[in-house]
Amino acid sequence: MIFYAKKSKKKSESGIYHIVLRGINKQIIFEDEEDNVKFIQTLKEYKNKSGYKIYEYCLMGNHVHILLQELEEGIETIMRRIGSSYVY
């Protein structure tokens, strides 16, 4: 499973981002409830390590929406951690 994410064109002054992660070619990334739980656990785990605030998230079959604010680490590092950990 591989995520596809577009690069942001400009840094947010507030540090708040609407992130959309999609499976390549609209591949399903959440096949069952276990996948959903694993992704949510990954968000929580890296929230403590990377220091970000989650406002909302919505898990769909082939993509996820996350509204978060970077606080300690940059958004690039945060998303790399989340994506790599979940895919692994």
C-alpha atoms as a PDB file:
ATOM      1  CA  MET A   1       0.000   0.000   0.000  1.00  0.00           C
ATOM      2  CA  ILE A   2       1.317   3.418  -0.935  1.00  0.00           C
ATOM      3  CA  PHE A   3      -0.082   6.836  -0.097  1.00  0.00           C
ATOM      4  CA  TYR A   4      -0.194   9.685  -2.552  1.00  0.00           C
ATOM      5  CA  ALA A   5      -0.039  13.216  -1.173  1.00  0.00           C
ATOM      6  CA  LYS A   6       0.347  16.481  -3.042  1.00  0.00           C
ATOM      7  CA  LYS A   7       3.001  18.886  -1.850  1.00  0.00           C
ATOM      8  CA  SER A   8       1.674  22.076  -0.313  1.00  0.00           C
ATOM      9  CA  LYS A   9       2.312  25.121  -2.448  1.00  0.00           C
ATOM     10  CA  LYS A  10       2.778  27.450   0.471  1.00  0.00           C
ATOM     11  CA  LYS A  11       3.464  27.210   4.215  1.00  0.00           C
ATOM     12  CA  SER A  12       0.493  27.952   6.468  1.00  0.00           C
ATOM     13  CA  GLU A  13       1.029  30.920   8.776  1.00  0.00           C
ATOM     14  CA  SER A  14      -1.233  29.306  11.393  1.00  0.00           C
ATOM     15  CA  GLY A  15       0.390  25.894  11.007  1.00  0.00           C
ATOM     16  CA  ILE A  16      -3.053  24.383  10.337  1.00  0.00           C
ATOM     17  CA  TYR A  17      -3.376  22.035   7.358  1.00  0.00           C
ATOM     18  CA  HIS A  18      -6.119  20.034   5.701  1.00  0.00           C
ATOM     19  CA  ILE A  19      -4.315  16.849   4.678  1.00  0.00           C
ATOM     20  CA  VAL A  20      -5.739  14.326   2.222  1.00  0.00           C
ATOM     21  CA  LEU A  21      -3.974  10.974   1.891  1.00  0.00           C
ATOM     22  CA  ARG A  22      -5.097   8.698  -0.925  1.00  0.00           C
ATOM     23  CA  GLY A  23      -4.176   5.241  -2.061  1.00  0.00           C
ATOM     24  CA  ILE A  24      -2.394   5.244  -5.434  1.00  0.00           C
ATOM     25  CA  ASN A  25      -4.911   4.718  -8.264  1.00  0.00           C
ATOM     26  CA  LYS A  26      -7.690   5.032  -5.668  1.00  0.00           C
ATOM     27  CA  GLN A  27      -6.519   1.812  -4.008  1.00  0.00           C
ATOM     28  CA  ILE A  28      -8.432   0.908  -0.845  1.00  0.00           C
ATOM     29  CA  ILE A  29      -6.340   1.773   2.220  1.00  0.00           C
ATOM     30  CA  PHE A  30      -8.859   0.880   4.953  1.00  0.00           C
ATOM     31  CA  GLU A  31     -10.210  -2.598   4.231  1.00  0.00           C
ATOM     32  CA  ASP A  32     -11.793  -3.242   7.626  1.00  0.00           C
ATOM     33  CA  GLU A  33     -12.294  -1.867  11.124  1.00  0.00           C
ATOM     34  CA  GLU A  34      -8.857  -3.171  12.171  1.00  0.00           C
ATOM     35  CA  ASP A  35      -7.217  -0.920   9.540  1.00  0.00           C
ATOM     36  CA  ASN A  36      -9.209   2.075  10.829  1.00  0.00           C
ATOM     37  CA  VAL A  37      -8.152   1.386  14.419  1.00  0.00           C
ATOM     38  CA  LYS A  38      -4.498   0.956  13.404  1.00  0.00           C
ATOM     39  CA  PHE A  39      -4.491   4.300  11.565  1.00  0.00           C
ATOM     40  CA  ILE A  40      -6.088   6.111  14.515  1.00  0.00           C
ATOM     41  CA  GLN A  41      -3.531   4.530  16.872  1.00  0.00           C
ATOM     42  CA  THR A  42      -0.757   5.727  14.526  1.00  0.00           C
ATOM     43  CA  LEU A  43      -2.159   9.282  14.624  1.00  0.00           C
ATOM     44  CA  LYS A  44      -2.202   9.193  18.442  1.00  0.00           C
ATOM     45  CA  GLU A  45       1.289   7.697  18.730  1.00  0.00           C
ATOM     46  CA  TYR A  46       2.919  10.300  16.507  1.00  0.00           C
ATOM     47  CA  LYS A  47       0.883  13.122  18.028  1.00  0.00           C
ATOM     48  CA  ASN A  48       2.976  12.645  21.169  1.00  0.00           C
ATOM     49  CA  LYS A  49       6.284  12.188  19.299  1.00  0.00           C
ATOM     50  CA  SER A  50       5.884  14.944  16.696  1.00  0.00           C
ATOM     51  CA  GLY A  51       3.879  17.407  18.742  1.00  0.00           C
ATOM     52  CA  TYR A  52       0.832  18.299  16.666  1.00  0.00           C
ATOM     53  CA  LYS A  53      -2.810  19.006  17.397  1.00  0.00           C
ATOM     54  CA  ILE A  54      -5.560  17.076  15.608  1.00  0.00           C
ATOM     55  CA  TYR A  55      -8.791  18.976  15.083  1.00  0.00           C
ATOM     56  CA  GLU A  56     -10.688  16.460  12.946  1.00  0.00           C
ATOM     57  CA  TYR A  57     -10.185  13.383  10.817  1.00  0.00           C
ATOM     58  CA  CYS A  58     -12.385  11.341   8.510  1.00  0.00           C
ATOM     59  CA  LEU A  59     -11.390   7.867   7.332  1.00  0.00           C
ATOM     60  CA  MET A  60     -12.863   6.812   3.989  1.00  0.00           C
ATOM     61  CA  GLY A  61     -12.216   3.560   2.131  1.00  0.00           C
ATOM     62  CA  ASN A  62      -9.551   4.870  -0.234  1.00  0.00           C
ATOM     63  CA  HIS A  63      -8.497   8.103   1.469  1.00  0.00           C
ATOM     64  CA  VAL A  64      -8.372  10.032   4.730  1.00  0.00           C
ATOM     65  CA  HIS A  65      -8.886  13.696   5.597  1.00  0.00           C
ATOM     66  CA  ILE A  66      -6.976  15.139   8.561  1.00  0.00           C
ATOM     67  CA  LEU A  67      -7.154  18.674   9.915  1.00  0.00           C
ATOM     68  CA  LEU A  68      -4.100  19.242  12.079  1.00  0.00           C
ATOM     69  CA  GLN A  69      -1.805  21.940  13.369  1.00  0.00           C
ATOM     70  CA  GLU A  70       1.957  21.556  13.440  1.00  0.00           C
ATOM     71  CA  LEU A  71       3.413  22.690  16.757  1.00  0.00           C
ATOM     72  CA  GLU A  72       6.864  21.164  17.242  1.00  0.00           C
ATOM     73  CA  GLU A  73       7.828  19.450  13.965  1.00  0.00           C
ATOM     74  CA  GLY A  74       7.102  20.548  10.412  1.00  0.00           C
ATOM     75  CA  ILE A  75       4.195  19.112   8.442  1.00  0.00           C
ATOM     76  CA  GLU A  76       6.560  17.238   6.095  1.00  0.00           C
ATOM     77  CA  THR A  77       8.120  15.311   8.980  1.00  0.00           C
ATOM     78  CA  ILE A  78       4.756  14.669  10.621  1.00  0.00           C
ATOM     79  CA  MET A  79       3.190  13.213   7.480  1.00  0.00           C
ATOM     80  CA  ARG A  80       6.273  11.156   6.645  1.00  0.00           C
ATOM     81  CA  ARG A  81       6.137   9.599  10.124  1.00  0.00           C
ATOM     82  CA  ILE A  82       2.407   8.849   9.955  1.00  0.00           C
ATOM     83  CA  GLY A  83       2.456   7.490   6.394  1.00  0.00           C
ATOM     84  CA  SER A  84       5.558   5.362   6.847  1.00  0.00           C
ATOM     85  CA  SER A  85       4.403   3.887  10.134  1.00  0.00           C
ATOM     86  CA  TYR A  86       0.907   3.008   8.905  1.00  0.00           C
ATOM     87  CA  VAL A  87       2.068   1.510   5.609  1.00  0.00           C
ATOM     88  CA  TYR A  88       4.742  -0.555   7.350  1.00  0.00           C
END
